[in-house]
């Protein structure tokens, strides 16, 4: 039950820490071009093991990934001052062009979990590079809107006074500004949101929707402005995805993976509800959305498709 984490920055290291805290897997290997950073993070997290679960965590090179069931890809570079989003995309694409083959050379049977942003495009490229080695796209999964969905459910839970785990609500599309909150599908304990709020004498008007929508959509900006980066939420989301895979739980998660068509847009990678199991993506559901939500999903998919198309092949 070896898990690899390539990239030992905030996201990769926090994902490894979350895995240890939840007792997922048996051995975690951190790989980073900065070997001192990988060693330091591995040692620091290992010192937390006596307070959590008996896992082994260490650093290593790509060869140390041999036998890994899952490899989290959290490598990448940050945006430079004056650098465009497309230029950043191209630099991270170049990094993944080198990283993905090296991971699969050592761990050819591993499922790849992409965390590097913009995650939709990076997942699409990872699947393209992996396909060159005969790896099916169902084994390439991006974190997608897993975190956005958690934010949506958390805010809804706070409003209605219910454990967020008993709220069904999804965020689909791009993990970014064009993401779509599927208000038409929200239910609380199997009851439509509007009915639940009516019975509890709670507001469920356009003002509430706009507030929650803004807080979900702009959450990363607020966090980054306050502390420079987001990592606890996404680290926990990654640990959840890995747990689902290792236990073959067949959970429905809003991850992203290459799709033939979404809302009329062909060959694109955006998030939809997927059944995820031990072999990766088991099935995909394009949800029954309202007309406006369907239009928004199509717009979101076109934005991602354009970004993919603008990259150098």
Protein backbone atom coordinates (compact mmCIF):
# COMPACT_ATOMS: atom_id res chain seq x y z
CA UNK A 1 0.00 0.00 0.00
CA UNK A 2 2.65 2.47 -1.12
CA UNK A 3 1.57 6.00 -2.00
CA UNK A 4 3.82 8.39 -3.89
CA UNK A 5 3.72 12.17 -3.67
CA UNK A 6 5.68 14.02 -6.35
CA UNK A 7 6.21 17.60 -5.23
CA UNK A 8 6.88 18.38 -1.57
CA UNK A 9 5.60 21.93 -1.43
CA UNK A 10 2.63 23.08 0.63
CA UNK A 11 0.07 20.93 -1.19
CA UNK A 12 2.13 17.75 -1.51
CA UNK A 13 3.41 17.83 2.06
CA UNK A 14 -0.03 18.63 3.49
CA UNK A 15 -1.57 15.78 1.50
CA UNK A 16 1.05 13.43 2.96
CA UNK A 17 0.31 14.74 6.46
CA UNK A 18 -3.44 14.23 5.92
CA UNK A 19 -2.79 10.65 4.79
CA UNK A 20 -0.86 9.98 7.99
CA UNK A 21 -3.49 11.59 10.22
CA UNK A 22 -6.20 9.42 8.62
CA UNK A 23 -4.10 6.25 8.53
CA UNK A 24 -4.37 5.77 4.77
CA UNK A 25 -1.93 3.38 3.12
CA UNK A 26 1.14 1.87 4.73
CA UNK A 27 4.07 3.75 3.21
CA UNK A 28 4.31 7.25 1.76
CA UNK A 29 7.22 8.35 -0.44
CA UNK A 30 7.94 12.03 -1.07
CA UNK A 31 9.79 12.87 -4.31
CA UNK A 32 11.00 16.36 -5.14
CA UNK A 33 13.65 17.99 -7.26
CA UNK A 34 14.64 19.73 -4.01
CA UNK A 35 15.77 16.64 -2.12
CA UNK A 36 16.51 18.58 1.06
CA UNK A 37 12.90 19.80 1.15
CA UNK A 38 11.55 16.29 0.59
CA UNK A 39 13.79 14.90 3.35
CA UNK A 40 12.78 17.66 5.77
CA UNK A 41 9.05 17.21 5.12
CA UNK A 42 9.30 13.43 5.42
CA UNK A 43 11.15 13.67 8.73
CA UNK A 44 8.76 16.26 10.12
CA UNK A 45 5.67 14.22 9.22
CA UNK A 46 7.29 11.00 10.48
CA UNK A 47 7.57 12.65 13.90
CA UNK A 48 3.76 12.96 13.92
CA UNK A 49 3.27 9.22 13.37
CA UNK A 50 3.34 8.29 17.09
CA UNK A 51 0.34 10.60 17.55
CA UNK A 52 -1.57 9.18 14.59
CA UNK A 53 -1.21 5.86 12.74
CA UNK A 54 1.73 3.47 12.21
CA UNK A 55 2.72 4.51 8.69
CA UNK A 56 6.20 4.81 7.23
CA UNK A 57 7.02 8.06 5.47
CA UNK A 58 10.27 8.72 3.66
CA UNK A 59 11.78 10.65 0.78
CA UNK A 60 13.34 9.15 -2.33
CA UNK A 61 13.82 9.44 -6.06
CA UNK A 62 11.47 8.17 -8.77
CA UNK A 63 12.79 4.63 -8.34
CA UNK A 64 11.37 4.69 -4.80
CA UNK A 65 7.87 4.87 -6.33
CA UNK A 66 8.15 1.30 -7.57
CA UNK A 67 5.06 -0.67 -6.53
CA UNK A 68 3.02 2.41 -5.64
CA UNK A 69 -0.76 1.97 -6.01
CA UNK A 70 -1.37 5.71 -6.25
CA UNK A 71 0.89 8.68 -7.05
CA UNK A 72 -0.19 12.24 -6.28
CA UNK A 73 1.27 14.78 -8.72
CA UNK A 74 1.71 18.09 -6.89
CA UNK A 75 4.80 19.32 -8.73
CA UNK A 76 4.85 22.66 -10.52
CA UNK A 77 5.96 26.27 -10.46
CA UNK A 78 4.36 29.45 -9.19
CA UNK A 79 3.34 32.36 -11.36
CA UNK A 80 6.05 34.98 -11.93
CA UNK A 81 5.33 38.72 -11.80
CA UNK A 82 4.04 39.79 -15.20
CA UNK A 83 3.64 36.20 -16.38
CA UNK A 84 0.40 35.31 -18.15
CA UNK A 85 -1.74 32.32 -17.16
CA UNK A 86 -0.90 30.67 -20.49
CA UNK A 87 2.83 31.12 -19.91
CA UNK A 88 2.48 29.53 -16.47
CA UNK A 89 0.48 26.72 -18.03
CA UNK A 90 3.20 26.11 -20.58
CA UNK A 91 5.93 25.93 -17.94
CA UNK A 92 3.95 23.46 -15.83
CA UNK A 93 3.11 21.46 -18.97
CA UNK A 94 6.82 21.20 -19.72
CA UNK A 95 7.46 19.97 -16.16
CA UNK A 96 4.74 17.32 -16.43
CA UNK A 97 6.04 16.22 -19.82
CA UNK A 98 9.19 15.16 -17.96
CA UNK A 99 7.61 14.02 -14.68
CA UNK A 100 4.77 11.77 -15.89
CA UNK A 101 6.96 9.35 -17.93
CA UNK A 102 9.42 9.05 -15.04
CA UNK A 103 6.62 8.23 -12.60
CA UNK A 104 5.12 5.60 -14.91
CA UNK A 105 8.52 4.10 -15.65
CA UNK A 106 8.86 3.23 -11.96
CA UNK A 107 5.17 2.70 -11.14
CA UNK A 108 3.47 1.59 -14.40
CA UNK A 109 0.36 0.30 -12.60
CA UNK A 110 -0.22 3.36 -10.43
CA UNK A 111 -3.25 5.60 -10.61
CA UNK A 112 -2.24 9.24 -11.06
CA UNK A 113 -3.93 11.93 -8.96
CA UNK A 114 -3.26 15.43 -10.31
CA UNK A 115 -3.25 18.36 -7.90
CA UNK A 116 -1.22 20.98 -9.79
CA UNK A 117 -3.18 24.00 -11.00
CA UNK A 118 -4.86 24.74 -13.29
CA UNK A 119 -5.89 21.21 -12.47
CA UNK A 120 -8.32 20.67 -15.35
CA UNK A 121 -5.71 21.43 -18.01
CA UNK A 122 -2.92 19.65 -16.15
CA UNK A 123 -5.08 16.53 -15.80
CA UNK A 124 -5.85 16.60 -19.53
CA UNK A 125 -2.14 16.85 -20.33
CA UNK A 126 -1.23 14.14 -17.82
CA UNK A 127 -3.69 11.78 -19.50
CA UNK A 128 -2.17 12.65 -22.87
CA UNK A 129 1.38 11.91 -21.65
CA UNK A 130 0.21 8.75 -19.86
CA UNK A 131 -1.57 7.50 -22.98
CA UNK A 132 1.79 7.42 -24.74
CA UNK A 133 2.65 4.64 -22.28
CA UNK A 134 -0.62 2.80 -22.75
CA UNK A 135 -2.31 4.12 -19.60
CA UNK A 136 -6.09 4.53 -19.87
CA UNK A 137 -7.49 7.97 -19.07
CA UNK A 138 -9.69 6.38 -16.37
CA UNK A 139 -6.50 5.96 -14.34
CA UNK A 140 -5.75 9.70 -14.46
CA UNK A 141 -7.82 11.72 -12.00
CA UNK A 142 -7.60 15.39 -11.13
CA UNK A 143 -8.72 16.76 -7.78
CA UNK A 144 -11.10 18.90 -9.83
CA UNK A 145 -13.89 20.54 -7.85
CA UNK A 146 -13.71 18.11 -4.94
CA UNK A 147 -12.66 20.97 -2.67
CA UNK A 148 -15.19 23.40 -4.17
CA UNK A 149 -17.95 20.86 -3.55
CA UNK A 150 -16.78 20.55 0.07
CA UNK A 151 -16.86 24.34 0.43
CA UNK A 152 -20.38 24.45 -1.02
CA UNK A 153 -21.65 21.75 1.33
CA UNK A 154 -19.90 23.32 4.31
CA UNK A 155 -21.52 26.71 3.77
CA UNK A 156 -24.93 25.14 3.16
CA UNK A 157 -24.54 23.06 6.31
CA UNK A 158 -23.70 26.14 8.32
CA UNK A 159 -26.78 27.94 7.00
CA UNK A 160 -29.29 25.13 7.63
CA UNK A 161 -27.65 23.85 10.82
CA UNK A 162 -26.97 20.33 9.51
CA UNK A 163 -23.81 18.23 9.32
CA UNK A 164 -22.40 18.93 5.86
CA UNK A 165 -22.02 15.18 5.27
CA UNK A 166 -25.82 14.95 5.05
CA UNK A 167 -26.06 17.59 2.35
CA UNK A 168 -25.92 16.61 -1.33
CA UNK A 169 -24.63 19.41 -3.51
CA UNK A 170 -22.10 19.50 -6.33
CA UNK A 171 -19.83 22.01 -7.99
CA UNK A 172 -19.08 21.07 -11.61
CA UNK A 173 -17.05 22.43 -14.50
CA UNK A 174 -13.70 24.19 -14.22
CA UNK A 175 -11.90 24.38 -10.89
CA UNK A 176 -11.84 28.14 -11.18
CA UNK A 177 -13.87 31.25 -11.81
CA UNK A 178 -16.28 29.61 -14.27
CA UNK A 179 -17.26 26.70 -11.98
CA UNK A 180 -20.97 25.95 -11.63
CA UNK A 181 -22.78 25.52 -8.31
CA UNK A 182 -25.67 23.14 -9.05
CA UNK A 183 -28.36 24.76 -6.91
CA UNK A 184 -31.12 22.85 -8.73
CA UNK A 185 -29.77 19.56 -7.31
CA UNK A 186 -29.19 20.54 -3.66
CA UNK A 187 -30.89 18.34 -1.07
CA UNK A 188 -30.70 18.04 2.71
CA UNK A 189 -31.37 14.56 4.08
CA UNK A 190 -33.03 13.66 0.80
CA UNK A 191 -35.28 16.75 0.89
CA UNK A 192 -34.95 19.58 -1.68
CA UNK A 193 -33.20 22.59 -0.15
CA UNK A 194 -36.17 24.92 -0.65
CA UNK A 195 -38.54 22.55 1.15
CA UNK A 196 -36.11 21.97 4.02
CA UNK A 197 -35.63 25.71 4.50
CA UNK A 198 -39.38 26.32 4.36
CA UNK A 199 -40.02 23.74 7.08
CA UNK A 200 -37.28 25.23 9.24
CA UNK A 201 -38.31 28.84 8.54
CA UNK A 202 -34.92 29.60 7.02
CA UNK A 203 -34.25 32.00 4.16
CA UNK A 204 -33.50 30.44 0.78
CA UNK A 205 -33.62 33.44 -1.52
CA UNK A 206 -31.41 34.91 -4.23
CA UNK A 207 -29.41 36.89 -1.66
CA UNK A 208 -28.40 33.68 0.14
CA UNK A 209 -27.44 32.04 -3.15
CA UNK A 210 -25.32 34.95 -4.28
CA UNK A 211 -23.52 35.07 -0.92
CA UNK A 212 -22.72 31.37 -0.86
CA UNK A 213 -21.80 31.37 -4.56
CA UNK A 214 -19.34 34.22 -4.01
CA UNK A 215 -17.85 32.59 -0.91
CA UNK A 216 -17.29 29.30 -2.75
CA UNK A 217 -16.04 30.83 -5.98
CA UNK A 218 -13.71 33.35 -4.31
CA UNK A 219 -12.55 31.20 -1.37
CA UNK A 220 -9.06 30.58 -2.75
CA UNK A 221 -8.49 34.27 -3.43
CA UNK A 222 -9.44 35.18 0.14
CA UNK A 223 -7.17 32.51 1.63
CA UNK A 224 -4.23 33.35 -0.63
CA UNK A 225 -4.58 37.05 0.18
CA UNK A 226 -4.46 36.24 3.89
CA UNK A 227 -1.72 33.61 4.05
CA UNK A 228 -0.23 33.16 0.58
CA UNK A 229 -1.49 29.69 -0.38
CA UNK A 230 -4.23 27.11 0.16
CA UNK A 231 -3.24 23.64 1.30
CA UNK A 232 -5.26 22.23 4.22
CA UNK A 233 -8.48 21.83 2.25
CA UNK A 234 -6.89 20.42 -0.90
CA UNK A 235 -4.56 18.20 1.14
CA UNK A 236 -7.59 16.68 2.86
CA UNK A 237 -9.41 16.32 -0.46
CA UNK A 238 -6.45 14.44 -1.95
CA UNK A 239 -6.30 12.09 1.03
CA UNK A 240 -10.00 11.37 0.58
CA UNK A 241 -9.54 10.51 -3.11
CA UNK A 242 -6.63 8.19 -2.29
CA UNK A 243 -8.65 6.49 0.45
CA UNK A 244 -11.55 5.87 -1.95
CA UNK A 245 -9.18 4.26 -4.44
CA UNK A 246 -7.25 2.07 -1.99
CA UNK A 247 -10.46 0.80 -0.36
CA UNK A 248 -12.35 0.54 -3.68
CA UNK A 249 -15.20 2.45 -2.04
CA UNK A 250 -16.96 3.44 -5.28
CA UNK A 251 -17.77 6.88 -3.95
CA UNK A 252 -19.23 9.69 -6.04
CA UNK A 253 -16.67 12.51 -6.23
CA UNK A 254 -16.51 15.64 -8.36
CA UNK A 255 -13.06 14.90 -9.73
CA UNK A 256 -11.97 15.64 -13.28
CA UNK A 257 -10.83 13.28 -16.01
CA UNK A 258 -10.75 13.53 -19.84
CA UNK A 259 -14.23 13.26 -21.35
CA UNK A 260 -15.39 12.85 -24.94
CA UNK A 261 -17.99 15.58 -24.61
CA UNK A 262 -19.42 17.87 -21.94
CA UNK A 263 -22.37 20.20 -22.66
CA UNK A 264 -21.56 20.15 -26.36
CA UNK A 265 -17.80 20.66 -25.91
CA UNK A 266 -15.71 17.77 -27.19
CA UNK A 267 -12.44 16.33 -25.82
CA UNK A 268 -12.25 18.33 -22.61
CA UNK A 269 -11.43 17.80 -18.94
CA UNK A 270 -13.74 19.35 -16.36
CA UNK A 271 -15.34 18.07 -13.18
CA UNK A 272 -18.55 16.08 -13.07
CA UNK A 273 -19.84 13.55 -10.54
CA UNK A 274 -17.91 10.30 -11.09
CA UNK A 275 -17.97 6.93 -9.37
CA UNK A 276 -14.38 6.36 -8.22
CA UNK A 277 -13.09 2.94 -7.22
CA UNK A 278 -9.97 0.83 -7.01
CA UNK A 279 -9.31 1.00 -10.75
CA UNK A 280 -9.96 4.72 -11.09
CA UNK A 281 -13.00 6.20 -12.82
CA UNK A 282 -15.79 3.60 -12.89
CA UNK A 283 -18.61 5.72 -14.37
CA UNK A 284 -19.40 9.34 -15.17
CA UNK A 285 -22.68 11.20 -14.70
CA UNK A 286 -23.59 14.39 -16.52
CA UNK A 287 -26.15 15.62 -13.98
CA UNK A 288 -29.67 16.81 -14.78
CA UNK A 289 -29.17 20.56 -14.52
CA UNK A 290 -31.43 23.53 -15.07
CA UNK A 291 -31.19 25.24 -18.45
CA UNK A 292 -29.12 28.08 -17.05
CA UNK A 293 -26.75 25.68 -15.26
CA UNK A 294 -26.28 23.68 -18.46
CA UNK A 295 -25.36 26.88 -20.30
CA UNK A 296 -22.89 27.77 -17.55
CA UNK A 297 -21.33 24.29 -17.72
CA UNK A 298 -20.90 24.63 -21.49
CA UNK A 299 -19.22 28.01 -21.04
CA UNK A 300 -16.93 26.58 -18.38
CA UNK A 301 -15.97 23.63 -20.58
CA UNK A 302 -15.21 25.96 -23.51
CA UNK A 303 -12.86 28.02 -21.33
CA UNK A 304 -10.87 24.91 -20.39
CA UNK A 305 -10.89 23.58 -23.96
CA UNK A 306 -9.52 26.88 -25.22
CA UNK A 307 -6.70 26.80 -22.68
CA UNK A 308 -5.83 23.23 -23.73
CA UNK A 309 -5.90 24.22 -27.40
CA UNK A 310 -3.60 27.21 -26.88
CA UNK A 311 -0.80 25.11 -25.38
CA UNK A 312 2.10 23.96 -27.52
CA UNK A 313 1.69 20.31 -28.40
